[in-house]
Amino acid sequence: MNTLISEIKFIKRFFLLFIILYFFCNINPAEAQSFHTSIYSEDTTYSVSRTKELRINLQNFNFFRNNEYKGALVKGYTLPGMWLLPTVSYQPISSIKIELGAYMLKYWGQANYPSIHYGSLSTHNGENEQRGLHTLPFFRIRYVPVDGVSLILGNIYGQSNHGLIEPLYNKEMIMTSDPEAGVQLLWTNKAFDLDMWINWESFIFRGDNRQEEFTFGLSTRFKANTPLSPTYASSNKAHVYFPLQLLFKHQGGEINTTATSREVKTWLNAAAGIGLDIKIPYRYFNRLNFEADATYYGQQKGSVYPFDKGYGFLGKMVADFKDIRLNAGYWQCHNFVTLLGDPLFGAVSVSEEGLTYNNPKMAYMSLEYSHKISKGFALGVHADVYNTFSADITRKISNGEGSLSVATERMSNSISFLAGIYLRTDFSFLVKKFR
C-alpha cells in the first residue's frame, strides 16, 4: 500500500510539472514540434544555398532521466548528464557537405569512463578508461546527388533518427550510446521513406582478442497516399502507411585468432505493420495516430540467448495536443528478444541471468511535452507508466559441473515509472562564405 501511495504521488508531481511548464513556456508561444523531432532527433535538412560556406555548428543534449523499473526484467537507474558535439562544416560544392568535430559525453558524478563502444549502459573497465569525459572524434561526409537522396559516410544520422518502434530501439540510447558510424542511404519520395545503414561497432586487427561487430538496419515507410505533414501540400484528412523495419546484428571475425570467444553470432529483429494518421480540425487537438506492428526475433547463429525464435505484437495510439503528446500502447510477445530496444519489451531479463518471462504482456501510457524555445533551443519533459501484467517466469540456475536446475513461479503485476527532462541545443553560425 505504501508503494502504491508513493507511486501515485510521483505521477501527481510530474503532472503538476507539465502544467507549470506548459503555462510558463506558452506566455510567448513559438512553433510547436513533436517530442521526437525537437528533442530526440538530429535535423537532417540539407541546404544547397550553403555552398562554399564555412560554418561552426554546436549540438548539445542535457538530460536528467529517472527509470524506476519494477519486476524482474531490468533494474532501475538514473541518467544525469550531457553530451556536446561541436563541429566545423564546409560545402565545397552544392552536393557535398563535410563535418569534422568531437563527441564528448559527461555523466554528473563520474570521472572515469570505459574506452569501449557504448551500445547501452556500459560495464566499467578500470584497466582501459578515459578520464573526465568519454570522447570520440566525429567525421561525416554527405553526398546529395539528387533531391531526396543522400549517401552518408562516417558518422551517420543514427539513434532515434531511424524511427524504429520501441521493441526494436530504446529511445534513451541517445544518452548512453556512441554516435553511429559506417555508411547510410537516405531516400525520400512520394511513395516511400527509406533509411538503410551499417553501424560498425567493433573493428579488429589481426590477432585481436575481441570480435568484429556491426549492425545492419533498414527502416522504411511505404505511403498509400500523401502524408499529413506540413512538408507536403495535401488536403487529405487521413494518411495510411506501412512501416517495415529490420535490424541484423553480427559478431565474428576471421583474423581474431586470440579472441576469448570466436563463436560466430548473428541475430535478427524485424517488424512490419500498418498505420493511420487522422487530421483533427481543432486548434489545440491536431492529430490522431493508430499503428499495429508484428515483430520477429531470430537467433540465426550462436547460443547467447535462450530462445532461437520469438515474436510479438504492438498496438499503439498517439494523440497530439499542440505541444503535448499522449502515447498509449499494448504489447505482448512469445520468446521475443529485443537487441537494441527497451528491456521491458523483451522476454529475457537483463538484470538476472537465466530468468525468462513466459508470454509477457504489457500496457503503457506516456505524456510528452516539447517546446521550441527559439531557433536552435528546445525543452522536453515526459512521464511514462508501464504496467507489466502478472506472468509465469522461469529461472535456470547453474548447480556446477554443467548441470542446471529449472524453477517456474508466478511473477506478480509490476508498474514501472520513467520520467525525464531535457534541453536540446542545435544551431550553427557562418564563419566565412568563399567565392
Protein backbone atom coordinates (compact mmCIF):
# COMPACT_ATOMS: atom_id res chain seq x y z
CA MET A 1 0.00 0.00 0.00
CA ASN A 2 2.83 2.41 0.85
CA THR A 3 4.45 1.67 -2.51
CA LEU A 4 1.20 2.42 -4.35
CA ILE A 5 0.76 5.71 -2.47
CA SER A 6 4.31 6.81 -3.33
CA GLU A 7 3.74 5.91 -6.99
CA ILE A 8 0.52 7.99 -7.11
CA LYS A 9 2.37 10.93 -5.56
CA PHE A 10 5.10 10.51 -8.21
CA ILE A 11 2.54 10.78 -11.03
CA LYS A 12 0.88 13.83 -9.44
CA ARG A 13 4.20 15.67 -9.17
CA PHE A 14 5.00 15.14 -12.83
CA PHE A 15 1.53 16.14 -13.99
CA LEU A 16 1.95 19.34 -11.94
CA LEU A 17 5.34 19.90 -13.59
CA PHE A 18 3.71 19.51 -17.02
CA ILE A 19 1.07 22.13 -16.18
CA ILE A 20 3.64 24.61 -14.83
CA LEU A 21 5.92 24.23 -17.84
CA TYR A 22 3.04 24.45 -20.28
CA PHE A 23 1.78 27.80 -19.00
CA PHE A 24 5.28 29.18 -18.37
CA CYS A 25 6.60 28.36 -21.84
CA ASN A 26 3.46 29.43 -23.71
CA ILE A 27 3.36 33.01 -22.45
CA ASN A 28 5.09 33.79 -25.74
CA PRO A 29 4.48 30.63 -27.78
CA ALA A 30 6.87 29.54 -30.53
CA GLU A 31 6.44 26.98 -33.28
CA ALA A 32 5.27 23.61 -31.94
CA GLN A 33 7.09 20.41 -32.85
CA SER A 34 6.82 16.79 -31.76
CA PHE A 35 8.97 15.43 -28.93
CA HIS A 36 10.69 13.06 -31.35
CA THR A 37 11.54 15.82 -33.83
CA SER A 38 12.63 18.56 -31.44
CA ILE A 39 14.28 16.52 -28.64
CA TYR A 40 15.43 13.07 -29.74
CA SER A 41 16.28 13.52 -33.43
CA GLU A 42 19.01 15.33 -35.33
CA ASP A 43 17.97 17.72 -38.09
CA THR A 44 18.85 16.21 -41.49
CA THR A 45 17.88 19.22 -43.60
CA TYR A 46 20.28 19.85 -46.48
CA SER A 47 20.59 23.35 -47.91
CA VAL A 48 22.14 23.96 -51.34
CA SER A 49 22.26 27.67 -50.51
CA ARG A 50 25.12 26.99 -48.06
CA THR A 51 27.55 26.04 -50.82
CA LYS A 52 31.05 27.49 -50.21
CA GLU A 53 30.13 28.29 -46.59
CA LEU A 54 32.42 27.52 -43.65
CA ARG A 55 30.29 27.17 -40.52
CA ILE A 56 30.68 26.33 -36.85
CA ASN A 57 27.93 24.05 -35.51
CA LEU A 58 27.02 23.12 -31.95
CA GLN A 59 24.83 20.27 -30.81
CA ASN A 60 24.26 19.79 -27.09
CA PHE A 61 21.90 17.47 -25.22
CA ASN A 62 21.32 17.96 -21.47
CA PHE A 63 19.36 15.26 -19.69
CA PHE A 64 18.07 14.08 -16.35
CA ARG A 65 16.19 10.80 -16.68
CA ASN A 66 14.97 8.54 -13.88
CA ASN A 67 13.95 4.92 -14.57
CA GLU A 68 12.01 3.35 -11.70
CA TYR A 69 11.82 -0.16 -13.15
CA LYS A 70 9.87 -2.82 -11.26
CA GLY A 71 9.61 -6.53 -11.87
CA ALA A 72 12.50 -8.78 -12.87
CA LEU A 73 13.33 -7.68 -16.42
CA VAL A 74 15.64 -4.76 -15.59
CA LYS A 75 16.79 -2.81 -12.52
CA GLY A 76 16.18 0.91 -12.16
CA TYR A 77 18.79 3.63 -12.59
CA THR A 78 19.16 7.37 -13.19
CA LEU A 79 20.92 9.14 -16.09
CA PRO A 80 22.10 12.66 -15.16
CA GLY A 81 24.44 14.37 -17.63
CA MET A 82 25.01 15.90 -21.02
CA TRP A 83 26.82 15.45 -24.31
CA LEU A 84 28.42 18.06 -26.51
CA LEU A 85 29.14 17.86 -30.25
CA PRO A 86 30.94 20.89 -31.72
CA THR A 87 31.77 20.60 -35.44
CA VAL A 88 33.13 22.65 -38.31
CA SER A 89 31.36 22.13 -41.64
CA TYR A 90 32.07 23.14 -45.22
CA GLN A 91 30.20 22.58 -48.51
CA PRO A 92 32.80 22.78 -51.30
CA ILE A 93 30.13 22.11 -53.95
CA SER A 94 26.33 22.05 -53.87
CA SER A 95 26.12 18.25 -53.48
CA ILE A 96 28.83 17.65 -50.80
CA LYS A 97 28.93 18.58 -47.12
CA ILE A 98 31.86 17.74 -44.80
CA GLU A 99 31.73 17.90 -40.99
CA LEU A 100 34.59 17.45 -38.51
CA GLY A 101 34.44 17.66 -34.72
CA ALA A 102 34.40 15.75 -31.43
CA TYR A 103 31.70 14.00 -29.39
CA MET A 104 32.01 14.39 -25.60
CA LEU A 105 29.80 12.64 -23.03
CA LYS A 106 29.65 13.53 -19.33
CA TYR A 107 27.64 11.89 -16.55
CA TRP A 108 27.44 14.09 -13.47
CA GLY A 109 29.26 12.49 -10.54
CA GLN A 110 31.52 10.33 -12.73
CA ALA A 111 35.13 10.99 -13.80
CA ASN A 112 36.17 7.67 -15.38
CA TYR A 113 34.66 6.10 -18.50
CA PRO A 114 35.24 2.74 -20.23
CA SER A 115 37.14 3.13 -23.51
CA ILE A 116 34.77 0.79 -25.34
CA HIS A 117 31.83 1.03 -27.68
CA TYR A 118 28.71 2.23 -25.89
CA GLY A 119 25.64 0.36 -27.02
CA SER A 120 23.75 0.87 -23.78
CA LEU A 121 24.92 1.41 -20.21
CA SER A 122 28.46 0.05 -20.29
CA THR A 123 30.30 -2.02 -17.72
CA HIS A 124 33.23 -0.16 -16.20
CA ASN A 125 36.72 -1.44 -17.04
CA GLY A 126 39.36 0.24 -14.87
CA GLU A 127 42.25 -1.06 -16.95
CA ASN A 128 41.11 0.68 -20.12
CA GLU A 129 39.44 4.01 -19.40
CA GLN A 130 39.14 7.68 -20.27
CA ARG A 131 39.14 10.41 -17.65
CA GLY A 132 36.97 13.47 -17.38
CA LEU A 133 34.84 12.87 -20.49
CA HIS A 134 34.05 9.99 -22.80
CA THR A 135 35.41 11.49 -26.01
CA LEU A 136 35.38 10.35 -29.64
CA PRO A 137 36.34 12.04 -32.93
CA PHE A 138 33.43 12.88 -35.24
CA PHE A 139 33.57 12.97 -39.05
CA ARG A 140 30.77 12.94 -41.61
CA ILE A 141 30.67 13.41 -45.37
CA ARG A 142 27.28 13.66 -47.07
CA TYR A 143 26.69 13.37 -50.80
CA VAL A 144 23.34 14.52 -52.23
CA PRO A 145 23.29 13.59 -55.96
CA VAL A 146 19.59 14.50 -56.40
CA ASP A 147 16.84 15.91 -54.21
CA GLY A 148 15.64 13.36 -51.69
CA VAL A 149 18.67 11.04 -51.87
CA SER A 150 21.69 11.19 -49.53
CA LEU A 151 24.71 8.94 -49.12
CA ILE A 152 26.50 9.40 -45.78
CA LEU A 153 29.91 8.02 -44.83
CA GLY A 154 31.49 8.29 -41.39
CA ASN A 155 29.18 9.28 -38.54
CA ILE A 156 25.67 8.69 -39.81
CA TYR A 157 22.28 10.12 -38.76
CA GLY A 158 21.57 7.42 -36.21
CA GLN A 159 19.78 6.57 -32.99
CA SER A 160 16.22 7.97 -32.92
CA ASN A 161 16.60 9.33 -36.46
CA HIS A 162 15.97 5.78 -37.72
CA GLY A 163 12.37 5.96 -36.46
CA LEU A 164 12.36 2.39 -35.13
CA ILE A 165 9.49 1.22 -32.91
CA GLU A 166 10.06 0.76 -29.17
CA PRO A 167 10.56 -3.05 -29.19
CA LEU A 168 13.42 -2.61 -31.69
CA TYR A 169 15.09 0.54 -30.33
CA ASN A 170 15.34 2.16 -26.90
CA LYS A 171 14.98 5.95 -27.22
CA GLU A 172 17.22 6.56 -24.22
CA MET A 173 20.25 5.34 -26.19
CA ILE A 174 20.66 8.97 -27.24
CA MET A 175 22.03 9.32 -23.68
CA THR A 176 24.06 6.10 -23.49
CA SER A 177 25.36 5.10 -26.94
CA ASP A 178 28.14 6.47 -29.11
CA PRO A 179 27.28 8.24 -32.37
CA GLU A 180 26.76 5.59 -35.02
CA ALA A 181 29.43 5.30 -37.71
CA GLY A 182 29.59 3.48 -41.03
CA VAL A 183 27.56 4.06 -44.18
CA GLN A 184 23.95 5.20 -44.69
CA LEU A 185 21.50 5.73 -47.53
CA LEU A 186 18.54 8.09 -47.08
CA TRP A 187 15.88 8.23 -49.78
CA THR A 188 12.60 10.13 -49.56
CA ASN A 189 9.94 10.50 -52.26
CA LYS A 190 6.16 10.45 -52.63
CA ALA A 191 5.97 6.65 -52.46
CA PHE A 192 8.23 5.84 -49.50
CA ASP A 193 10.83 6.96 -46.97
CA LEU A 194 13.90 4.74 -46.72
CA ASP A 195 16.78 4.66 -44.23
CA MET A 196 19.36 1.89 -44.76
CA TRP A 197 22.61 1.79 -42.79
CA ILE A 198 25.51 -0.19 -41.37
CA ASN A 199 26.79 0.83 -37.93
CA TRP A 200 30.33 -0.58 -37.48
CA GLU A 201 30.73 -1.02 -33.73
CA SER A 202 33.95 -3.01 -33.33
CA PHE A 203 36.88 -3.07 -35.77
CA ILE A 204 39.58 -5.67 -35.12
CA PHE A 205 43.24 -6.09 -36.05
CA ARG A 206 44.94 -9.38 -36.84
CA GLY A 207 45.23 -11.44 -33.67
CA ASP A 208 42.81 -9.21 -31.77
CA ASN A 209 41.21 -10.64 -28.61
CA ARG A 210 37.82 -9.05 -29.44
CA GLN A 211 35.19 -9.87 -32.02
CA GLU A 212 34.23 -7.85 -35.07
CA GLU A 213 30.76 -6.39 -34.54
CA PHE A 214 28.32 -4.45 -36.69
CA THR A 215 24.59 -3.79 -37.09
CA PHE A 216 22.74 -3.58 -40.40
CA GLY A 217 19.47 -1.69 -40.29
CA LEU A 218 16.55 -0.91 -42.57
CA SER A 219 13.68 1.43 -41.72
CA THR A 220 11.10 2.14 -44.41
CA ARG A 221 7.64 3.61 -44.59
CA PHE A 222 5.51 2.97 -47.68
CA LYS A 223 2.88 5.67 -48.23
CA ALA A 224 -0.55 4.77 -49.55
CA ASN A 225 -1.35 8.47 -50.05
CA THR A 226 0.12 11.89 -49.30
CA PRO A 227 1.17 12.36 -45.64
CA LEU A 228 -0.41 14.99 -43.41
CA SER A 229 2.98 16.62 -42.73
CA PRO A 230 3.23 20.37 -43.45
CA THR A 231 6.09 19.43 -45.80
CA TYR A 232 3.51 18.14 -48.27
CA ALA A 233 0.74 20.21 -49.85
CA SER A 234 -2.19 17.95 -49.09
CA SER A 235 -5.88 18.32 -48.37
CA ASN A 236 -6.12 14.71 -47.11
CA LYS A 237 -7.90 14.15 -43.83
CA ALA A 238 -6.21 10.79 -43.33
CA HIS A 239 -2.96 9.12 -44.32
CA VAL A 240 -2.29 5.36 -44.47
CA TYR A 241 1.25 3.97 -44.35
CA PHE A 242 3.03 0.62 -43.99
CA PRO A 243 6.23 0.51 -41.88
CA LEU A 244 8.85 -2.18 -42.47
CA GLN A 245 11.89 -2.36 -40.16
CA LEU A 246 14.88 -4.66 -39.82
CA LEU A 247 17.90 -4.97 -37.51
CA PHE A 248 20.57 -7.57 -38.23
CA LYS A 249 23.40 -7.81 -35.66
CA HIS A 250 26.60 -9.78 -36.23
CA GLN A 251 29.63 -10.70 -34.10
CA GLY A 252 32.51 -12.70 -35.53
CA GLY A 253 35.76 -12.19 -37.42
CA GLU A 254 38.30 -14.43 -39.10
CA ILE A 255 41.56 -12.75 -38.04
CA ASN A 256 40.92 -12.53 -34.26
CA THR A 257 42.73 -15.80 -33.55
CA THR A 258 43.41 -14.96 -29.88
CA ALA A 259 39.84 -13.88 -29.04
CA THR A 260 38.30 -15.32 -25.89
CA SER A 261 35.21 -16.26 -27.89
CA ARG A 262 35.36 -16.91 -31.64
CA GLU A 263 31.84 -18.30 -31.95
CA VAL A 264 30.02 -16.51 -34.78
CA LYS A 265 26.81 -14.90 -33.55
CA THR A 266 24.03 -13.34 -35.63
CA TRP A 267 20.61 -12.10 -34.54
CA LEU A 268 17.62 -10.57 -36.27
CA ASN A 269 14.84 -8.23 -35.17
CA ALA A 270 12.14 -7.31 -37.67
CA ALA A 271 8.81 -5.51 -37.67
CA ALA A 272 6.03 -4.88 -40.19
CA GLY A 273 2.70 -3.17 -39.76
CA ILE A 274 0.11 -0.63 -40.79
CA GLY A 275 -0.51 2.91 -39.55
CA LEU A 276 -3.20 5.55 -39.87
CA ASP A 277 -2.81 9.32 -39.37
CA ILE A 278 -6.01 11.33 -38.91
CA LYS A 279 -6.09 15.13 -39.12
CA ILE A 280 -8.12 16.70 -36.31
CA PRO A 281 -9.52 20.15 -37.22
CA TYR A 282 -9.09 21.82 -33.85
CA ARG A 283 -6.60 24.46 -32.70
CA TYR A 284 -5.27 22.51 -29.72
CA PHE A 285 -6.01 18.97 -30.93
CA ASN A 286 -4.08 18.33 -34.14
CA ARG A 287 -3.73 14.63 -34.92
CA LEU A 288 -4.58 11.06 -34.04
CA ASN A 289 -2.38 8.14 -34.99
CA PHE A 290 -3.03 4.41 -34.78
CA GLU A 291 -0.42 1.78 -35.60
CA ALA A 292 -0.20 -2.01 -35.30
CA ASP A 293 3.08 -3.90 -35.74
CA ALA A 294 4.04 -7.57 -35.76
CA THR A 295 7.62 -8.25 -34.65
CA TYR A 296 10.02 -11.16 -35.09
CA TYR A 297 13.22 -12.28 -33.37
CA GLY A 298 15.66 -14.89 -34.66
CA GLN A 299 18.97 -16.21 -33.32
CA GLN A 300 20.47 -17.46 -36.56
CA LYS A 301 23.91 -18.39 -35.21
CA GLY A 302 25.26 -18.73 -31.70
CA SER A 303 23.78 -19.66 -28.34
CA VAL A 304 23.90 -16.44 -26.33
CA TYR A 305 20.14 -16.16 -25.81
CA PRO A 306 17.90 -18.95 -24.51
CA PHE A 307 15.46 -18.66 -27.45
CA ASP A 308 16.14 -19.18 -31.15
CA LYS A 309 12.86 -17.66 -32.37
CA GLY A 310 10.22 -15.36 -30.99
CA TYR A 311 7.52 -12.93 -32.00
CA GLY A 312 5.44 -10.09 -30.59
CA PHE A 313 2.60 -7.69 -31.28
CA LEU A 314 2.45 -3.95 -30.61
CA GLY A 315 -0.66 -1.81 -30.89
CA LYS A 316 -0.37 1.89 -30.10
CA MET A 317 -2.18 5.20 -30.29
CA VAL A 318 -0.80 8.77 -30.38
CA ALA A 319 -2.79 11.96 -29.79
CA ASP A 320 -1.20 15.37 -30.44
CA PHE A 321 -2.48 18.35 -28.46
CA LYS A 322 -0.38 21.35 -29.58
CA ASP A 323 2.87 20.96 -27.53
CA ILE A 324 1.64 17.84 -25.68
CA ARG A 325 1.62 14.29 -26.99
CA LEU A 326 -0.22 11.39 -25.36
CA ASN A 327 1.00 7.87 -26.15
CA ALA A 328 -0.75 4.65 -25.20
CA GLY A 329 0.01 1.10 -26.24
CA TYR A 330 -0.31 -2.63 -25.63
CA TRP A 331 2.45 -5.21 -26.09
CA GLN A 332 2.61 -8.97 -25.85
CA CYS A 333 5.22 -11.44 -27.01
CA HIS A 334 6.42 -15.02 -27.00
CA ASN A 335 10.16 -15.72 -26.61
CA PHE A 336 10.97 -12.29 -28.06
CA VAL A 337 14.46 -10.86 -27.51
CA THR A 338 14.99 -7.19 -28.23
CA LEU A 339 18.51 -6.48 -29.49
CA LEU A 340 18.53 -2.69 -29.03
CA GLY A 341 15.10 -1.99 -27.56
CA ASP A 342 13.83 -1.26 -24.06
CA PRO A 343 14.20 -4.47 -21.96
CA LEU A 344 10.55 -4.11 -20.89
CA PHE A 345 9.63 -5.23 -24.43
CA GLY A 346 11.58 -8.49 -24.15
CA ALA A 347 11.10 -11.89 -22.52
CA VAL A 348 14.68 -12.19 -21.22
CA SER A 349 15.83 -10.46 -18.03
CA VAL A 350 18.92 -8.26 -18.31
CA SER A 351 19.24 -7.99 -14.52
CA GLU A 352 19.08 -11.67 -13.51
CA GLU A 353 20.92 -14.28 -15.57
CA GLY A 354 18.82 -17.27 -16.54
CA LEU A 355 15.45 -15.61 -15.90
CA THR A 356 12.84 -15.52 -18.67
CA TYR A 357 9.18 -14.50 -18.88
CA ASN A 358 6.61 -16.84 -20.37
CA ASN A 359 4.40 -14.89 -22.80
CA PRO A 360 4.64 -11.47 -21.08
CA LYS A 361 2.01 -8.78 -21.65
CA MET A 362 2.30 -5.06 -21.00
CA ALA A 363 0.28 -1.85 -21.34
CA TYR A 364 1.82 1.60 -21.20
CA MET A 365 1.00 5.28 -21.34
CA SER A 366 3.24 8.33 -21.63
CA LEU A 367 2.77 12.07 -21.63
CA GLU A 368 5.31 14.20 -23.52
CA TYR A 369 5.69 17.95 -23.54
CA SER A 370 8.04 19.63 -26.03
CA HIS A 371 8.56 23.34 -26.51
CA LYS A 372 10.69 25.09 -29.11
CA ILE A 373 12.08 27.96 -27.03
CA SER A 374 13.60 29.66 -30.06
CA LYS A 375 15.54 28.62 -33.14
CA GLY A 376 18.12 26.06 -32.03
CA PHE A 377 16.75 25.53 -28.49
CA ALA A 378 14.09 23.07 -27.33
CA LEU A 379 12.80 21.86 -23.96
CA GLY A 380 11.22 18.46 -23.35
CA VAL A 381 9.61 16.70 -20.39
CA HIS A 382 7.99 13.27 -20.26
CA ALA A 383 6.46 10.85 -17.77
CA ASP A 384 5.82 7.20 -18.69
CA VAL A 385 3.93 4.43 -16.92
CA TYR A 386 4.50 0.77 -17.92
CA ASN A 387 2.28 -1.95 -16.46
CA THR A 388 3.72 -5.46 -16.86
CA PHE A 389 0.95 -7.93 -16.15
CA SER A 390 1.46 -10.94 -13.91
CA ALA A 391 3.08 -13.83 -15.75
CA ASP A 392 4.91 -17.11 -15.20
CA ILE A 393 8.69 -16.84 -15.11
CA THR A 394 11.37 -19.49 -15.45
CA ARG A 395 14.69 -19.43 -13.59
CA LYS A 396 17.60 -21.56 -14.77
CA ILE A 397 20.22 -21.85 -12.04
CA SER A 398 23.63 -23.45 -12.55
CA ASN A 399 24.44 -26.14 -9.97
CA GLY A 400 28.06 -26.51 -11.06
CA GLU A 401 29.69 -29.07 -13.37
CA GLY A 402 27.35 -28.05 -16.20
CA SER A 403 24.08 -29.07 -14.53
CA LEU A 404 21.07 -26.75 -14.35
CA SER A 405 18.02 -26.60 -12.15
CA VAL A 406 14.83 -25.12 -13.59
CA ALA A 407 12.18 -23.45 -11.43
CA THR A 408 8.88 -21.88 -12.53
CA GLU A 409 6.97 -19.35 -10.44
CA ARG A 410 4.35 -16.64 -10.81
CA MET A 411 5.61 -13.06 -11.04
CA SER A 412 3.08 -10.53 -9.79
CA ASN A 413 1.91 -7.46 -11.70
CA SER A 414 4.51 -4.64 -11.69
CA ILE A 415 4.31 -0.94 -12.56
CA SER A 416 7.40 0.92 -13.80
CA PHE A 417 7.75 4.70 -13.97
CA LEU A 418 10.11 6.58 -16.28
CA ALA A 419 10.47 10.35 -16.35
CA GLY A 420 12.92 12.86 -17.73
CA ILE A 421 13.61 16.49 -18.52
CA TYR A 422 15.81 17.55 -21.46
CA LEU A 423 17.20 20.66 -23.06
CA ARG A 424 18.48 20.36 -26.63
CA THR A 425 20.68 22.86 -28.47
CA ASP A 426 21.29 22.65 -32.22
CA PHE A 427 22.46 25.74 -34.10
CA SER A 428 25.21 26.99 -36.41
CA PHE A 429 26.69 30.30 -37.48
CA LEU A 430 28.57 31.41 -40.55
CA VAL A 431 32.33 31.95 -40.30
CA LYS A 432 33.03 32.80 -43.93
CA LYS A 433 31.48 32.39 -47.36
CA PHE A 434 34.06 31.73 -50.08
CA ARG A 435 33.51 32.79 -53.67
